Amino acid sequence: MKSLEASASEVRGRRSARARRKPLRNHGWVVLGVGLLALVFRVFGVQRANDVFIDEVTYADIARQIADGQMPSILGTPFFLHPPGSYALNGLVIRVLGLGGHSTDLALQLRWVNGVLGAVTVVICFLLVRRLAGLGPAVWAGVMLASDPFVLRMDGRLMMETPAGLAVLSGWLLVLLVLERNGRRSRLWLEIGAGLVFGLAIVIKDMTAVFTVVPLLTAVVWRRTIPPKMALRILVCSLVPYLIYLGLIVASGLLPEFLGQKSVGVLRMVGAVQMTGFNSVHSVSLTDRLIDLAGRFGTSYVLLGFSIVAGAIVAMSPVVKRRVVGLFSVFTGLVGIYSVFFGAAEEQFGYCVVLAALASTPVAAVMLVNWRPRLRGAVVTVAAIMAILSLFLGSQARSVVDDGLVRARDFMVAELPSSSKVGLTSVTGEFALMPHEGWEVLPSLQSLRDGGAEYVLTQGRPLSEGYGFASPEFLVWLQENARPVFTFTGPTSGDTVVWKLDREKLEAAVTGGLILPPVTGGYK
């Protein structure tokens, strides 16, 4: 006897089949509306809503190298920690549009690229959910993803997660199209396309193999969701982009360097080496950080939690296409949980988890309502509250002014004498502001004295949490013995301050044995 879920799914399957036969233009205005909403959220405040992040500056510099036909490198050393997909894309934009300037300014210009890609991702998510659950749930997913404050934080910066996430979702949408088609030739071309798009995701960020290849192979054995030959063809095509990348490395004679850096990257991902992230020695507690940011990313945290639960529900569906997306959501959520408790718990790891949650949660909600119709009111109410909160938090995230480091740089260039000696104290400050005549990393009282510094730039939150070169006590000393000449307060870095040093007090402190050495970076 068929289950209620199976019977209901057959009815919905016939309805959705009839809906797919309708021209897309019937809902074209909805697609356009969701896309425009996503684009507005991403381009509004694109250069001021998020303070400069160190990775952005690094990625912009690597993109410029590729635009100039060079091998990606950092400080003269070939860079293989991440594949070059996103850098190549941005390098192409640099060449076509003729972008340039300091790496910080280049990163701010390239943020527009991620803004557009993020908006396209929202449209892809809408189309994917529409095929699985209908128009209403798809609109909800589109609105949630368009306004999600955490996703906006990633899309509002020059991060590789945005193009990688777009490729992951696009690949799964193509897989759904393969499962819908009957024509052998059209299915083959779609399989090739799905594999190549998955391959693009992997050549942008290796970690996405867990979000693409692993669920794909699992679907072969999980209730025979995907035919083995279909999975094999997609898998083979997904290897092509990365094999081309490896071929270039081998041809350049850099395979040993590649293997060395990749081994470190794998150890970091699994948590054997804790260099960055919330599980590292010097990091602030993840629990404290979550509590601190709940007012900004509350709806995002809920979605992160939904990924595995909703994915598991959808993976049990009698509908093949739903099971595929359910497996994608489960494995993505598992990676998120593992990184939180054991791996390198960096916030960007949550990006694809949110995408997976918004691909599976609406489908799980529809399945729940079909199983227990009396829950419809509760489900609709919760969905409406979530959407309203997400729109509010998203609007709040994009309307905030949080560009303290760029403002501090502009102040120092415009207001300080050109011969001024300025001490920098954070990793972001080093990468985002140097090289500049008279500016150097001076993260201790002794280095400030020996370097003849007249001013110091600090970012309160990173230093107080142990993320900078200088110690938290260094910041306390400045508060008690130096004079702020510029102050900007933002949610990311706290108080960004340019301090005017009192040379006599500095000399007296160092002479008296108060050095306040740096906590990281190998500086004195």
Protein backbone atom coordinates (compact mmCIF):
# COMPACT_ATOMS: atom_id res chain seq x y z
CA MET A 1 0.00 0.00 0.00
CA LYS A 2 1.37 3.35 -0.97
CA SER A 3 2.19 5.81 1.76
CA LEU A 4 0.33 9.07 2.01
CA GLU A 5 3.56 10.88 1.11
CA ALA A 6 4.03 8.73 -1.99
CA SER A 7 0.45 9.24 -3.16
CA ALA A 8 0.60 12.96 -2.55
CA SER A 9 3.95 13.18 -4.32
CA GLU A 10 2.51 11.48 -7.41
CA VAL A 11 -0.29 14.03 -7.55
CA ARG A 12 2.18 16.87 -7.10
CA GLY A 13 4.45 15.28 -9.70
CA ARG A 14 1.64 15.34 -12.28
CA ARG A 15 0.82 18.93 -11.36
CA SER A 16 4.44 20.01 -11.52
CA ALA A 17 4.85 18.26 -14.88
CA ARG A 18 1.90 20.24 -16.24
CA ALA A 19 3.37 23.40 -14.70
CA ARG A 20 6.71 22.79 -16.41
CA ARG A 21 4.97 22.50 -19.74
CA LYS A 22 3.74 26.05 -19.31
CA PRO A 23 6.06 28.66 -20.80
CA LEU A 24 8.51 30.09 -18.29
CA ARG A 25 7.23 33.55 -19.16
CA ASN A 26 4.12 32.81 -17.09
CA HIS A 27 6.29 33.27 -14.00
CA GLY A 28 8.96 35.38 -15.64
CA TRP A 29 7.95 38.44 -13.67
CA VAL A 30 8.43 36.50 -10.44
CA VAL A 31 11.93 35.41 -11.49
CA LEU A 32 12.72 39.00 -12.46
CA GLY A 33 11.39 40.33 -9.17
CA VAL A 34 13.41 37.89 -7.09
CA GLY A 35 16.54 38.63 -9.12
CA LEU A 36 16.11 42.40 -8.80
CA LEU A 37 15.51 42.11 -5.06
CA ALA A 38 18.71 40.12 -4.71
CA LEU A 39 20.68 42.55 -6.85
CA VAL A 40 19.46 45.60 -4.92
CA PHE A 41 20.45 44.01 -1.61
CA ARG A 42 23.92 43.26 -2.96
CA VAL A 43 24.84 46.46 -4.77
CA PHE A 44 23.49 48.82 -2.11
CA GLY A 45 26.39 49.79 0.11
CA VAL A 46 28.70 47.38 -1.69
CA GLN A 47 31.84 49.38 -0.84
CA ARG A 48 30.92 50.57 2.64
CA ALA A 49 28.69 47.96 4.32
CA ASN A 50 31.62 45.61 5.13
CA ASP A 51 35.06 46.55 6.38
CA VAL A 52 37.98 45.35 4.28
CA PHE A 53 38.86 41.71 4.99
CA ILE A 54 42.42 40.44 4.60
CA ASP A 55 41.40 37.68 2.18
CA GLU A 56 39.86 40.23 -0.16
CA VAL A 57 43.10 42.12 -0.57
CA THR A 58 45.04 38.89 -1.12
CA TYR A 59 42.55 37.61 -3.70
CA ALA A 60 42.52 40.93 -5.57
CA ASP A 61 46.31 40.89 -5.79
CA ILE A 62 46.30 37.29 -7.09
CA ALA A 63 43.62 38.19 -9.65
CA ARG A 64 45.82 41.04 -10.86
CA GLN A 65 48.72 38.61 -11.25
CA ILE A 66 46.60 36.30 -13.39
CA ALA A 67 45.39 39.28 -15.44
CA ASP A 68 49.06 40.05 -16.10
CA GLY A 69 49.74 36.47 -17.16
CA GLN A 70 51.65 35.51 -14.01
CA MET A 71 51.50 32.45 -11.77
CA PRO A 72 49.54 33.17 -8.54
CA SER A 73 51.92 33.90 -5.68
CA ILE A 74 52.10 35.53 -2.27
CA LEU A 75 55.29 37.33 -1.28
CA GLY A 76 57.08 35.64 -4.18
CA THR A 77 55.99 32.09 -3.26
CA PRO A 78 53.65 30.18 -5.61
CA PHE A 79 50.15 30.02 -4.13
CA PHE A 80 48.30 26.70 -4.31
CA LEU A 81 46.27 26.70 -1.11
CA HIS A 82 43.15 27.38 -3.21
CA PRO A 83 42.56 26.66 -6.92
CA PRO A 84 42.63 29.62 -9.31
CA GLY A 85 39.02 29.58 -10.57
CA SER A 86 37.72 32.69 -8.82
CA TYR A 87 41.01 34.54 -9.35
CA ALA A 88 40.91 33.76 -13.07
CA LEU A 89 37.36 35.11 -13.28
CA ASN A 90 38.32 38.34 -11.52
CA GLY A 91 41.51 38.54 -13.57
CA LEU A 92 39.37 38.45 -16.70
CA VAL A 93 37.23 41.28 -15.31
CA ILE A 94 40.37 43.28 -14.57
CA ARG A 95 41.62 42.82 -18.14
CA VAL A 96 38.29 43.59 -19.80
CA LEU A 97 37.44 46.64 -17.68
CA GLY A 98 40.99 47.90 -17.20
CA LEU A 99 40.75 47.95 -13.40
CA GLY A 100 43.78 48.86 -11.31
CA GLY A 101 45.07 50.72 -8.29
CA HIS A 102 46.15 49.52 -4.87
CA SER A 103 45.02 46.00 -3.99
CA THR A 104 42.52 47.40 -1.47
CA ASP A 105 40.90 49.66 -4.07
CA LEU A 106 40.93 46.82 -6.58
CA ALA A 107 39.16 44.55 -4.09
CA LEU A 108 36.47 47.18 -3.55
CA GLN A 109 35.93 47.44 -7.31
CA LEU A 110 35.74 43.67 -7.73
CA ARG A 111 33.08 43.40 -5.03
CA TRP A 112 30.60 44.34 -7.74
CA VAL A 113 31.37 41.06 -9.52
CA ASN A 114 30.40 39.03 -6.47
CA GLY A 115 27.30 41.15 -6.03
CA VAL A 116 26.08 40.19 -9.50
CA LEU A 117 27.07 36.54 -9.07
CA GLY A 118 25.26 36.42 -5.73
CA ALA A 119 22.08 37.74 -7.35
CA VAL A 120 22.32 35.04 -10.04
CA THR A 121 22.69 32.44 -7.28
CA VAL A 122 19.39 33.60 -5.81
CA VAL A 123 17.67 33.12 -9.17
CA ILE A 124 19.18 29.63 -9.52
CA CYS A 125 17.94 28.73 -6.03
CA PHE A 126 14.45 29.97 -6.96
CA LEU A 127 14.41 27.85 -10.13
CA LEU A 128 15.68 24.79 -8.28
CA VAL A 129 13.09 24.97 -5.49
CA ARG A 130 10.32 25.72 -7.97
CA ARG A 131 11.00 22.43 -9.72
CA LEU A 132 10.83 20.58 -6.42
CA ALA A 133 8.07 22.29 -4.46
CA GLY A 134 6.23 24.86 -6.58
CA LEU A 135 6.07 28.61 -6.94
CA GLY A 136 5.21 29.65 -3.37
CA PRO A 137 8.07 27.81 -1.64
CA ALA A 138 10.42 29.00 -4.40
CA VAL A 139 9.48 32.62 -3.77
CA TRP A 140 10.10 32.12 -0.06
CA ALA A 141 13.52 30.58 -0.75
CA GLY A 142 14.37 33.40 -3.14
CA VAL A 143 13.38 36.13 -0.68
CA MET A 144 15.27 34.44 2.15
CA LEU A 145 18.44 34.02 0.11
CA ALA A 146 18.16 37.49 -1.38
CA SER A 147 18.09 39.07 2.08
CA ASP A 148 19.99 36.59 4.27
CA PRO A 149 22.41 38.75 6.30
CA PHE A 150 25.18 36.15 6.45
CA VAL A 151 25.04 35.44 2.72
CA LEU A 152 25.02 39.20 2.08
CA ARG A 153 28.17 39.50 4.19
CA MET A 154 29.92 36.98 1.92
CA ASP A 155 28.47 38.32 -1.34
CA GLY A 156 29.40 41.84 -0.24
CA ARG A 157 33.08 40.94 -0.12
CA LEU A 158 35.53 39.55 -2.65
CA MET A 159 35.23 35.96 -1.40
CA MET A 160 35.54 32.79 -3.46
CA GLU A 161 32.49 31.30 -1.75
CA THR A 162 30.15 33.36 -3.95
CA PRO A 163 31.21 31.98 -7.36
CA ALA A 164 31.74 28.53 -5.85
CA GLY A 165 28.24 28.51 -4.38
CA LEU A 166 26.77 29.63 -7.69
CA ALA A 167 28.51 26.77 -9.49
CA VAL A 168 27.37 24.22 -6.88
CA LEU A 169 23.69 25.20 -7.08
CA SER A 170 23.81 25.50 -10.88
CA GLY A 171 25.27 22.02 -11.13
CA TRP A 172 22.48 20.53 -9.01
CA LEU A 173 19.86 22.35 -11.08
CA LEU A 174 21.35 20.74 -14.20
CA VAL A 175 21.22 17.35 -12.48
CA LEU A 176 17.50 17.87 -11.87
CA LEU A 177 17.04 18.70 -15.55
CA VAL A 178 18.84 15.48 -16.48
CA LEU A 179 16.43 13.49 -14.31
CA GLU A 180 13.46 15.16 -16.01
CA ARG A 181 14.53 14.58 -19.60
CA ASN A 182 13.71 11.50 -21.65
CA GLY A 183 15.69 12.22 -24.81
CA ARG A 184 19.04 10.44 -24.75
CA ARG A 185 20.96 13.19 -26.58
CA SER A 186 19.57 16.04 -24.45
CA ARG A 187 20.27 14.06 -21.27
CA LEU A 188 23.87 13.49 -22.36
CA TRP A 189 24.51 17.16 -22.98
CA LEU A 190 22.95 18.07 -19.65
CA GLU A 191 25.11 15.46 -17.91
CA ILE A 192 28.21 16.95 -19.50
CA GLY A 193 27.09 20.42 -18.47
CA ALA A 194 26.37 19.36 -14.89
CA GLY A 195 29.76 17.68 -14.60
CA LEU A 196 31.65 20.65 -16.01
CA VAL A 197 29.81 23.07 -13.72
CA PHE A 198 30.60 20.87 -10.72
CA GLY A 199 34.19 20.89 -11.97
CA LEU A 200 34.17 24.68 -12.06
CA ALA A 201 33.02 24.72 -8.44
CA ILE A 202 35.88 22.42 -7.46
CA VAL A 203 38.46 24.45 -9.39
CA ILE A 204 37.20 27.51 -7.51
CA LYS A 205 37.31 25.83 -4.10
CA ASP A 206 38.39 22.20 -3.63
CA MET A 207 36.13 21.76 -0.63
CA THR A 208 33.04 21.90 -2.83
CA ALA A 209 33.80 18.35 -3.92
CA VAL A 210 32.07 17.33 -0.68
CA PHE A 211 28.99 19.31 -1.76
CA THR A 212 28.92 17.90 -5.30
CA VAL A 213 30.81 14.67 -5.98
CA VAL A 214 30.15 13.02 -2.61
CA PRO A 215 26.33 13.45 -2.68
CA LEU A 216 26.33 12.45 -6.35
CA LEU A 217 28.07 9.14 -5.64
CA THR A 218 25.98 8.55 -2.53
CA ALA A 219 22.83 8.98 -4.63
CA VAL A 220 23.86 5.91 -6.62
CA VAL A 221 23.55 3.63 -3.58
CA TRP A 222 20.91 5.57 -1.62
CA ARG A 223 17.66 4.01 -2.82
CA ARG A 224 19.15 3.94 -6.33
CA THR A 225 18.38 7.62 -6.71
CA ILE A 226 20.77 8.19 -9.63
CA PRO A 227 21.70 5.53 -12.23
CA PRO A 228 25.37 4.53 -11.93
CA LYS A 229 26.20 5.32 -15.57
CA MET A 230 24.69 8.79 -15.27
CA ALA A 231 26.68 9.48 -12.11
CA LEU A 232 29.85 8.18 -13.76
CA ARG A 233 29.47 10.47 -16.78
CA ILE A 234 28.88 13.49 -14.55
CA LEU A 235 31.82 12.51 -12.34
CA VAL A 236 34.23 12.16 -15.26
CA CYS A 237 33.24 15.57 -16.63
CA SER A 238 33.62 17.14 -13.17
CA LEU A 239 37.28 16.09 -13.12
CA VAL A 240 38.17 17.86 -16.37
CA PRO A 241 38.68 21.45 -15.07
CA TYR A 242 40.84 20.32 -12.15
CA LEU A 243 42.89 17.97 -14.35
CA ILE A 244 43.63 20.91 -16.66
CA TYR A 245 44.75 22.91 -13.62
CA LEU A 246 46.98 20.06 -12.44
CA GLY A 247 48.42 19.71 -15.94
CA LEU A 248 49.51 23.35 -15.91
CA ILE A 249 51.14 22.86 -12.50
CA VAL A 250 53.03 19.77 -13.64
CA ALA A 251 54.14 21.52 -16.84
CA SER A 252 55.50 24.37 -14.71
CA GLY A 253 57.49 21.95 -12.54
CA LEU A 254 55.66 23.05 -9.39
CA LEU A 255 54.00 19.78 -8.39
CA PRO A 256 56.07 19.39 -5.16
CA GLU A 257 55.06 22.88 -4.00
CA PHE A 258 51.44 22.13 -4.88
CA LEU A 259 51.42 18.89 -2.90
CA GLY A 260 53.07 20.56 0.08
CA GLN A 261 50.53 23.36 0.29
CA LYS A 262 47.59 21.06 -0.40
CA SER A 263 48.62 18.73 2.40
CA VAL A 264 48.62 21.66 4.80
CA GLY A 265 45.23 22.74 3.46
CA VAL A 266 43.76 19.27 4.02
CA LEU A 267 45.18 19.13 7.55
CA ARG A 268 43.62 22.53 8.25
CA MET A 269 40.25 21.47 6.86
CA VAL A 270 40.07 18.31 8.98
CA GLY A 271 41.28 20.18 12.06
CA ALA A 272 44.65 18.46 12.50
CA VAL A 273 46.30 21.86 12.11
CA GLN A 274 44.49 24.83 13.69
CA MET A 275 45.96 27.99 12.17
CA THR A 276 42.79 30.03 11.72
CA GLY A 277 39.13 29.81 12.66
CA PHE A 278 37.26 29.58 15.94
CA ASN A 279 39.02 26.37 17.02
CA SER A 280 42.50 27.90 16.83
CA VAL A 281 44.43 28.64 20.01
CA HIS A 282 44.17 32.41 19.88
CA SER A 283 40.56 32.54 18.70
CA VAL A 284 37.61 33.92 20.61
CA SER A 285 35.04 31.32 21.68
CA LEU A 286 32.62 30.34 18.92
CA THR A 287 29.76 30.33 21.42
CA ASP A 288 30.59 33.87 22.52
CA ARG A 289 30.82 34.98 18.91
CA LEU A 290 27.46 33.42 18.00
CA ILE A 291 25.78 35.11 20.96
CA ASP A 292 27.43 38.41 20.09
CA LEU A 293 26.25 38.26 16.46
CA ALA A 294 22.79 36.75 17.01
CA GLY A 295 21.20 40.15 16.59
CA ARG A 296 22.77 40.48 13.13
CA PHE A 297 22.61 36.91 11.79
CA GLY A 298 19.83 35.23 13.77
CA THR A 299 17.87 33.93 10.76
CA SER A 300 21.09 32.69 9.19
CA TYR A 301 21.85 30.62 12.29
CA VAL A 302 18.40 29.04 12.08
CA LEU A 303 19.01 28.08 8.45
CA LEU A 304 22.41 26.61 9.31
CA GLY A 305 20.63 24.35 11.78
CA PHE A 306 17.95 23.40 9.25
CA SER A 307 20.41 22.06 6.67
CA ILE A 308 20.82 18.54 8.03
CA VAL A 309 17.30 18.16 9.44
CA ALA A 310 15.54 19.38 6.29
CA GLY A 311 18.01 17.50 4.11
CA ALA A 312 17.34 14.23 5.94
CA ILE A 313 13.58 14.65 5.49
CA VAL A 314 13.90 15.42 1.79
CA ALA A 315 16.37 12.56 1.26
CA MET A 316 13.61 10.18 2.41
CA SER A 317 11.17 11.41 -0.22
CA PRO A 318 9.82 8.94 -2.80
CA VAL A 319 10.49 11.62 -5.43
CA VAL A 320 13.91 11.06 -7.01
CA LYS A 321 14.72 14.72 -7.64
CA ARG A 322 13.97 15.62 -4.05
CA ARG A 323 16.21 12.88 -2.71
CA VAL A 324 19.10 14.25 -4.75
CA VAL A 325 18.80 17.71 -3.19
CA GLY A 326 18.23 16.17 0.22
CA LEU A 327 21.57 14.34 0.02
CA PHE A 328 23.28 17.55 -1.07
CA SER A 329 21.85 19.33 1.97
CA VAL A 330 22.78 16.55 4.39
CA PHE A 331 26.42 16.33 3.34
CA THR A 332 26.81 20.10 3.26
CA GLY A 333 25.35 20.36 6.75
CA LEU A 334 27.62 17.58 8.01
CA VAL A 335 30.65 19.50 6.78
CA GLY A 336 29.40 22.54 8.66
CA ILE A 337 28.96 20.58 11.90
CA TYR A 338 32.36 18.91 11.56
CA SER A 339 34.12 22.22 10.97
CA VAL A 340 32.46 23.73 14.04
CA PHE A 341 33.52 20.98 16.43
CA PHE A 342 36.72 19.64 14.89
CA GLY A 343 37.83 21.47 11.74
CA ALA A 344 38.90 24.99 10.85
CA ALA A 345 35.68 26.69 11.90
CA GLU A 346 35.92 29.72 9.65
CA GLU A 347 32.73 31.66 9.06
CA GLN A 348 32.88 31.36 5.27
CA PHE A 349 32.36 27.60 5.60
CA GLY A 350 28.74 28.35 6.41
CA TYR A 351 28.00 29.90 3.02
CA CYS A 352 27.18 26.72 1.12
CA VAL A 353 25.40 25.36 4.20
CA VAL A 354 22.90 28.23 3.98
CA LEU A 355 22.48 27.61 0.25
CA ALA A 356 21.79 23.93 0.89
CA ALA A 357 19.34 24.75 3.68
CA LEU A 358 17.35 27.05 1.42
CA ALA A 359 17.28 24.37 -1.30
CA SER A 360 15.92 21.71 1.06
CA THR A 361 13.92 23.52 3.78
CA PRO A 362 11.02 24.65 1.55
CA VAL A 363 10.74 21.13 0.14
CA ALA A 364 10.75 19.61 3.63
CA ALA A 365 8.05 22.08 4.68
CA VAL A 366 5.84 21.05 1.76
CA MET A 367 6.35 17.38 2.61
CA LEU A 368 5.48 18.07 6.24
CA VAL A 369 2.26 19.87 5.31
CA ASN A 370 1.25 17.07 2.94
CA TRP A 371 1.87 14.56 5.72
CA ARG A 372 0.05 16.60 8.38
CA PRO A 373 -2.26 19.14 6.66
CA ARG A 374 -3.29 20.66 9.98
CA LEU A 375 0.26 22.01 10.33
CA ARG A 376 -0.15 24.25 7.29
CA GLY A 377 -1.03 27.32 9.35
CA ALA A 378 1.95 26.90 11.67
CA VAL A 379 4.35 26.30 8.80
CA VAL A 380 3.11 29.33 6.87
CA THR A 381 3.33 31.50 9.99
CA VAL A 382 6.90 30.44 10.76
CA ALA A 383 7.90 30.94 7.13
CA ALA A 384 6.39 34.44 7.10
CA ILE A 385 8.11 35.41 10.34
CA MET A 386 11.44 34.11 9.02
CA ALA A 387 11.06 36.05 5.78
CA ILE A 388 10.15 39.29 7.56
CA LEU A 389 13.06 38.94 9.98
CA SER A 390 15.44 38.14 7.15
CA LEU A 391 14.34 41.19 5.17
CA PHE A 392 14.81 43.35 8.27
CA LEU A 393 18.25 41.95 9.11
CA GLY A 394 19.33 42.08 5.49
CA SER A 395 18.29 45.72 5.20
CA GLN A 396 20.10 46.47 8.42
CA ALA A 397 23.25 44.73 7.17
CA ARG A 398 23.37 46.69 3.93
CA SER A 399 22.50 50.10 5.39
CA VAL A 400 25.25 50.06 8.02
CA VAL A 401 28.45 52.01 7.37
CA ASP A 402 31.37 49.72 8.22
CA ASP A 403 34.38 50.87 6.18
CA GLY A 404 36.58 52.02 9.03
CA LEU A 405 39.93 50.88 7.62
CA VAL A 406 39.43 52.64 4.29
CA ARG A 407 38.30 55.80 6.09
CA ALA A 408 41.33 55.66 8.37
CA ARG A 409 43.61 55.28 5.35
CA ASP A 410 42.00 58.23 3.60
CA PHE A 411 42.34 60.32 6.77
CA MET A 412 46.04 59.53 7.15
CA VAL A 413 46.75 60.28 3.49
CA ALA A 414 44.83 63.56 3.57
CA GLU A 415 45.52 64.89 7.08
CA LEU A 416 48.88 63.59 8.27
CA PRO A 417 52.16 65.10 7.03
CA SER A 418 53.54 63.05 4.15
CA SER A 419 56.71 62.36 6.16
CA SER A 420 54.79 60.87 9.11
CA LYS A 421 55.87 57.54 10.52
CA VAL A 422 52.82 55.33 11.10
CA GLY A 423 52.83 52.01 12.94
CA LEU A 424 50.41 49.30 11.78
CA THR A 425 49.31 46.64 14.25
CA SER A 426 47.06 44.14 12.43
CA VAL A 427 47.36 41.58 9.65
CA THR A 428 44.61 43.32 7.68
CA GLY A 429 46.35 46.66 8.13
CA GLU A 430 49.57 45.21 6.74
CA PHE A 431 47.98 43.69 3.63
CA ALA A 432 45.43 46.45 2.99
CA LEU A 433 47.62 49.53 3.51
CA MET A 434 51.13 48.56 2.50
CA PRO A 435 53.30 49.34 0.69
CA HIS A 436 53.19 53.04 1.65
CA GLU A 437 56.13 55.27 2.39
CA GLY A 438 56.53 55.79 6.13
CA TRP A 439 54.01 53.08 7.10
CA GLU A 440 55.21 49.78 8.53
CA VAL A 441 54.18 47.05 10.97
CA LEU A 442 55.23 48.17 14.46
CA PRO A 443 53.19 46.08 16.91
CA SER A 444 55.10 46.64 20.17
CA LEU A 445 56.17 49.62 22.24
CA GLN A 446 59.81 48.86 21.52
CA SER A 447 59.25 48.69 17.75
CA LEU A 448 57.31 51.96 17.87
CA ARG A 449 60.20 53.65 19.64
CA ASP A 450 62.92 52.13 17.48
CA GLY A 451 60.97 52.85 14.29
CA GLY A 452 60.44 56.50 15.18
CA ALA A 453 56.66 56.14 14.93
CA GLU A 454 54.55 59.25 15.43
CA TYR A 455 51.15 57.65 14.86
CA VAL A 456 49.63 54.19 15.34
CA LEU A 457 46.63 52.61 13.62
CA THR A 458 44.62 50.07 15.60
CA GLN A 459 41.44 48.05 15.05
CA GLY A 460 39.89 47.43 18.44
CA ARG A 461 38.02 44.15 18.02
CA PRO A 462 40.76 42.14 16.23
CA LEU A 463 43.41 43.28 18.72
CA SER A 464 41.28 42.66 21.80
CA GLU A 465 40.41 39.16 20.54
CA GLY A 466 44.03 38.26 19.77
CA TYR A 467 43.77 38.40 15.97
CA GLY A 468 46.27 41.20 15.44
CA PHE A 469 50.03 41.42 15.69
CA ALA A 470 49.86 43.63 18.77
CA SER A 471 48.67 42.38 22.14
CA PRO A 472 45.43 43.46 23.83
CA GLU A 473 47.56 45.18 26.51
CA PHE A 474 49.17 47.25 23.74
CA LEU A 475 45.75 48.73 22.95
CA VAL A 476 45.13 49.48 26.64
CA TRP A 477 48.44 51.34 26.86
CA LEU A 478 47.51 53.49 23.87
CA GLN A 479 44.16 54.33 25.40
CA GLU A 480 45.92 55.58 28.52
CA ASN A 481 48.95 57.28 26.98
CA ALA A 482 48.17 58.37 23.39
CA ARG A 483 45.71 60.80 21.83
CA PRO A 484 43.17 59.66 19.21
CA VAL A 485 43.11 61.92 16.15
CA PHE A 486 40.69 59.75 14.15
CA THR A 487 38.05 57.31 15.38
CA PHE A 488 35.49 55.25 13.53
CA THR A 489 33.25 52.64 15.13
CA GLY A 490 31.84 49.78 13.07
CA PRO A 491 30.37 46.33 13.77
CA THR A 492 33.25 44.39 12.18
CA SER A 493 36.39 45.95 13.65
CA GLY A 494 34.99 47.87 16.58
CA ASP A 495 36.90 51.14 17.09
CA THR A 496 39.34 51.88 14.28
CA VAL A 497 41.61 54.56 15.71
CA VAL A 498 44.60 56.60 14.55
CA TRP A 499 46.62 57.52 17.65
CA LYS A 500 49.06 60.41 18.04
CA LEU A 501 51.95 59.12 20.13
CA ASP A 502 53.54 61.02 22.99
CA ARG A 503 57.20 60.23 22.31
CA GLU A 504 58.25 61.08 25.87
CA LYS A 505 55.76 58.65 27.40
CA LEU A 506 56.74 56.01 24.86
CA GLU A 507 60.45 56.42 25.64
CA ALA A 508 59.80 56.31 29.37
CA ALA A 509 57.74 53.12 29.05
CA VAL A 510 60.33 51.25 27.01
CA THR A 511 63.22 52.49 29.15
CA GLY A 512 61.32 51.27 32.19
CA GLY A 513 61.09 47.80 30.69
CA LEU A 514 57.50 47.92 29.37
CA ILE A 515 57.88 46.44 25.88
CA LEU A 516 54.47 44.78 25.30
CA PRO A 517 55.75 42.37 22.61
CA PRO A 518 53.52 41.27 19.72
CA VAL A 519 51.52 38.08 20.06
CA THR A 520 51.93 36.87 16.45
CA GLY A 521 53.67 37.63 13.19
CA GLY A 522 57.38 37.31 14.02
CA TYR A 523 57.74 41.04 14.62
CA LYS A 524 59.60 42.64 17.53
